[in-house]
Amino acid sequence: LEIIGIAMDEEGVDVVRPFAEELKMNYRVLLGSETVATQFGGIYGLPTTFIIGRDGKIHDKHVGLVSREVFEETVKKLL
């Protein structure tokens, strides 16, 4: 099970990395592009977070800020 956040920032990794470190993001952050957004089914708001199962498939997608409880509930269903 993996949680991936996609950072859509035109300034690149030099801006995204300090932001992710400041927010103590403890999951992978993918530097997005229009191609990546399309491959993940579209990014229509930020932040967008994907929960990817052990099978490599996207099992859930959250657009906007989501509480810890929502993530925990989703993860528990997949375990």
N, C-alpha and C. Protein backbone atom coordinates (compact mmCIF):
# COMPACT_ATOMS: atom_id res chain seq x y z
N LEU A 1 0.85 -1.18 0.00
CA LEU A 1 0.00 0.00 0.00
C LEU A 1 0.89 1.23 0.00
N GLU A 2 0.55 2.19 -0.81
CA GLU A 2 1.37 3.38 -0.90
C GLU A 2 0.48 4.60 -1.08
N ILE A 3 0.88 5.68 -0.46
CA ILE A 3 0.20 6.95 -0.64
C ILE A 3 1.14 7.84 -1.43
N ILE A 4 0.62 8.43 -2.50
CA ILE A 4 1.42 9.31 -3.34
C ILE A 4 0.72 10.64 -3.46
N GLY A 5 1.45 11.71 -3.20
CA GLY A 5 0.96 13.05 -3.45
C GLY A 5 1.60 13.55 -4.73
N ILE A 6 0.87 14.24 -5.55
CA ILE A 6 1.44 14.78 -6.78
C ILE A 6 1.56 16.29 -6.62
N ALA A 7 2.79 16.79 -6.78
CA ALA A 7 3.04 18.22 -6.70
C ALA A 7 3.08 18.78 -8.11
N MET A 8 2.15 19.63 -8.43
CA MET A 8 2.11 20.26 -9.74
C MET A 8 2.69 21.67 -9.58
N ASP A 9 3.99 21.78 -9.82
CA ASP A 9 4.66 23.07 -9.65
C ASP A 9 5.60 23.28 -10.81
N GLU A 10 5.44 24.38 -11.51
CA GLU A 10 6.25 24.66 -12.68
C GLU A 10 7.70 24.96 -12.33
N GLU A 11 7.99 25.27 -11.07
CA GLU A 11 9.36 25.62 -10.69
C GLU A 11 10.20 24.40 -10.35
N GLY A 12 9.58 23.22 -10.26
CA GLY A 12 10.33 21.99 -10.12
C GLY A 12 10.72 21.60 -8.71
N VAL A 13 11.63 20.63 -8.66
CA VAL A 13 12.01 19.97 -7.41
C VAL A 13 12.65 20.94 -6.41
N ASP A 14 13.31 21.97 -6.88
CA ASP A 14 13.96 22.91 -5.96
C ASP A 14 12.95 23.66 -5.09
N VAL A 15 11.72 23.75 -5.54
CA VAL A 15 10.66 24.38 -4.76
C VAL A 15 9.85 23.33 -4.00
N VAL A 16 9.60 22.20 -4.65
CA VAL A 16 8.75 21.18 -4.05
C VAL A 16 9.41 20.49 -2.86
N ARG A 17 10.69 20.15 -2.98
CA ARG A 17 11.38 19.44 -1.90
C ARG A 17 11.33 20.21 -0.57
N PRO A 18 11.71 21.50 -0.52
CA PRO A 18 11.63 22.22 0.76
C PRO A 18 10.20 22.30 1.30
N PHE A 19 9.22 22.42 0.39
CA PHE A 19 7.83 22.48 0.81
C PHE A 19 7.42 21.16 1.46
N ALA A 20 7.77 20.03 0.84
CA ALA A 20 7.43 18.71 1.39
C ALA A 20 8.14 18.48 2.72
N GLU A 21 9.38 18.92 2.83
CA GLU A 21 10.12 18.77 4.08
C GLU A 21 9.52 19.63 5.18
N GLU A 22 9.14 20.85 4.84
CA GLU A 22 8.54 21.75 5.82
C GLU A 22 7.23 21.18 6.38
N LEU A 23 6.44 20.56 5.51
CA LEU A 23 5.17 19.98 5.93
C LEU A 23 5.33 18.58 6.50
N LYS A 24 6.58 18.08 6.54
CA LYS A 24 6.87 16.75 7.08
C LYS A 24 6.05 15.67 6.39
N MET A 25 5.98 15.75 5.07
CA MET A 25 5.26 14.75 4.28
C MET A 25 6.03 13.44 4.38
N ASN A 26 5.40 12.42 4.93
CA ASN A 26 6.07 11.13 5.14
C ASN A 26 5.61 10.09 4.11
N TYR A 27 5.34 10.56 2.92
CA TYR A 27 4.95 9.68 1.82
C TYR A 27 5.58 10.24 0.55
N ARG A 28 5.57 9.41 -0.50
CA ARG A 28 6.18 9.84 -1.76
C ARG A 28 5.43 11.02 -2.36
N VAL A 29 6.19 11.92 -2.92
CA VAL A 29 5.62 13.06 -3.62
C VAL A 29 6.16 13.02 -5.05
N LEU A 30 5.26 12.89 -5.99
CA LEU A 30 5.60 12.81 -7.40
C LEU A 30 5.54 14.21 -7.99
N LEU A 31 6.60 14.61 -8.66
CA LEU A 31 6.61 15.90 -9.33
C LEU A 31 5.80 15.76 -10.61
N GLY A 32 4.68 16.42 -10.67
CA GLY A 32 3.74 16.22 -11.75
C GLY A 32 3.97 17.10 -12.96
N SER A 33 3.36 16.66 -14.04
CA SER A 33 3.32 17.40 -15.30
C SER A 33 1.95 17.11 -15.90
N GLU A 34 1.66 17.74 -17.00
CA GLU A 34 0.37 17.46 -17.65
C GLU A 34 0.27 15.99 -18.04
N THR A 35 1.38 15.39 -18.47
CA THR A 35 1.39 13.98 -18.85
C THR A 35 1.09 13.10 -17.64
N VAL A 36 1.75 13.38 -16.52
CA VAL A 36 1.51 12.60 -15.30
C VAL A 36 0.07 12.77 -14.85
N ALA A 37 -0.44 13.98 -14.88
CA ALA A 37 -1.82 14.22 -14.48
C ALA A 37 -2.79 13.39 -15.32
N THR A 38 -2.55 13.33 -16.60
CA THR A 38 -3.40 12.54 -17.48
C THR A 38 -3.31 11.05 -17.15
N GLN A 39 -2.10 10.56 -16.90
CA GLN A 39 -1.90 9.15 -16.58
C GLN A 39 -2.60 8.76 -15.28
N PHE A 40 -2.74 9.70 -14.36
CA PHE A 40 -3.40 9.43 -13.08
C PHE A 40 -4.88 9.78 -13.11
N GLY A 41 -5.43 10.00 -14.30
CA GLY A 41 -6.86 10.24 -14.42
C GLY A 41 -7.27 11.69 -14.27
N GLY A 42 -6.33 12.59 -14.32
CA GLY A 42 -6.63 14.01 -14.24
C GLY A 42 -6.44 14.58 -12.85
N ILE A 43 -5.90 15.77 -12.78
CA ILE A 43 -5.72 16.49 -11.52
C ILE A 43 -6.58 17.75 -11.64
N TYR A 44 -7.64 17.83 -10.85
CA TYR A 44 -8.58 18.93 -10.98
C TYR A 44 -8.56 19.89 -9.81
N GLY A 45 -7.73 19.60 -8.84
CA GLY A 45 -7.60 20.47 -7.68
C GLY A 45 -6.38 20.05 -6.89
N LEU A 46 -5.87 20.97 -6.12
CA LEU A 46 -4.68 20.69 -5.30
C LEU A 46 -5.00 20.91 -3.84
N PRO A 47 -4.48 20.10 -2.97
CA PRO A 47 -3.69 18.91 -3.26
C PRO A 47 -4.57 17.77 -3.74
N THR A 48 -3.98 16.87 -4.51
CA THR A 48 -4.62 15.61 -4.92
C THR A 48 -3.74 14.48 -4.42
N THR A 49 -4.32 13.53 -3.73
CA THR A 49 -3.58 12.41 -3.16
C THR A 49 -4.18 11.11 -3.67
N PHE A 50 -3.30 10.18 -4.04
CA PHE A 50 -3.72 8.87 -4.52
C PHE A 50 -3.28 7.81 -3.53
N ILE A 51 -4.14 6.84 -3.30
CA ILE A 51 -3.78 5.68 -2.48
C ILE A 51 -3.68 4.51 -3.44
N ILE A 52 -2.47 3.96 -3.51
CA ILE A 52 -2.17 2.90 -4.46
C ILE A 52 -1.94 1.62 -3.69
N GLY A 53 -2.66 0.56 -4.08
CA GLY A 53 -2.57 -0.72 -3.40
C GLY A 53 -1.32 -1.49 -3.77
N ARG A 54 -1.12 -2.59 -3.09
CA ARG A 54 0.03 -3.45 -3.37
C ARG A 54 0.00 -3.97 -4.80
N ASP A 55 -1.18 -3.98 -5.40
CA ASP A 55 -1.32 -4.45 -6.77
C ASP A 55 -0.94 -3.39 -7.80
N GLY A 56 -0.57 -2.20 -7.32
CA GLY A 56 -0.16 -1.12 -8.21
C GLY A 56 -1.30 -0.31 -8.78
N LYS A 57 -2.53 -0.63 -8.38
CA LYS A 57 -3.70 0.08 -8.90
C LYS A 57 -4.09 1.22 -7.96
N ILE A 58 -4.66 2.27 -8.53
CA ILE A 58 -5.18 3.37 -7.72
C ILE A 58 -6.48 2.91 -7.09
N HIS A 59 -6.53 2.92 -5.76
CA HIS A 59 -7.73 2.48 -5.05
C HIS A 59 -8.56 3.64 -4.53
N ASP A 60 -7.94 4.79 -4.40
CA ASP A 60 -8.68 5.96 -3.93
C ASP A 60 -7.96 7.21 -4.36
N LYS A 61 -8.72 8.27 -4.54
CA LYS A 61 -8.18 9.56 -4.95
C LYS A 61 -8.90 10.62 -4.13
N HIS A 62 -8.14 11.49 -3.50
CA HIS A 62 -8.71 12.57 -2.70
C HIS A 62 -8.27 13.90 -3.27
N VAL A 63 -9.23 14.75 -3.57
CA VAL A 63 -8.94 16.09 -4.06
C VAL A 63 -9.22 17.07 -2.94
N GLY A 64 -8.23 17.89 -2.63
CA GLY A 64 -8.38 18.86 -1.54
C GLY A 64 -7.84 18.31 -0.24
N LEU A 65 -7.98 19.09 0.79
CA LEU A 65 -7.48 18.67 2.10
C LEU A 65 -8.38 17.58 2.67
N VAL A 66 -7.75 16.56 3.22
CA VAL A 66 -8.48 15.42 3.76
C VAL A 66 -7.94 15.12 5.15
N SER A 67 -8.84 14.79 6.06
CA SER A 67 -8.42 14.51 7.44
C SER A 67 -7.67 13.19 7.54
N ARG A 68 -6.90 13.06 8.57
CA ARG A 68 -6.16 11.83 8.84
C ARG A 68 -7.11 10.64 8.95
N GLU A 69 -8.26 10.87 9.55
CA GLU A 69 -9.24 9.80 9.75
C GLU A 69 -9.71 9.21 8.41
N VAL A 70 -9.90 10.06 7.42
CA VAL A 70 -10.33 9.58 6.11
C VAL A 70 -9.25 8.68 5.51
N PHE A 71 -8.00 9.10 5.60
CA PHE A 71 -6.91 8.27 5.09
C PHE A 71 -6.82 6.95 5.85
N GLU A 72 -6.93 7.01 7.17
CA GLU A 72 -6.84 5.78 7.98
C GLU A 72 -7.95 4.81 7.61
N GLU A 73 -9.15 5.32 7.43
CA GLU A 73 -10.29 4.47 7.06
C GLU A 73 -10.05 3.79 5.71
N THR A 74 -9.55 4.54 4.75
CA THR A 74 -9.27 3.99 3.42
C THR A 74 -8.18 2.92 3.51
N VAL A 75 -7.12 3.19 4.24
CA VAL A 75 -6.01 2.24 4.36
C VAL A 75 -6.47 0.97 5.06
N LYS A 76 -7.25 1.10 6.12
CA LYS A 76 -7.73 -0.09 6.85
C LYS A 76 -8.55 -1.00 5.94
N LYS A 77 -9.34 -0.42 5.02
CA LYS A 77 -10.14 -1.22 4.11
C LYS A 77 -9.27 -2.01 3.15
N LEU A 78 -8.09 -1.49 2.85
CA LEU A 78 -7.21 -2.15 1.89
C LEU A 78 -6.27 -3.15 2.52
N LEU A 79 -6.15 -3.13 3.84
CA LEU A 79 -5.22 -4.06 4.49
C LEU A 79 -5.82 -5.44 4.65
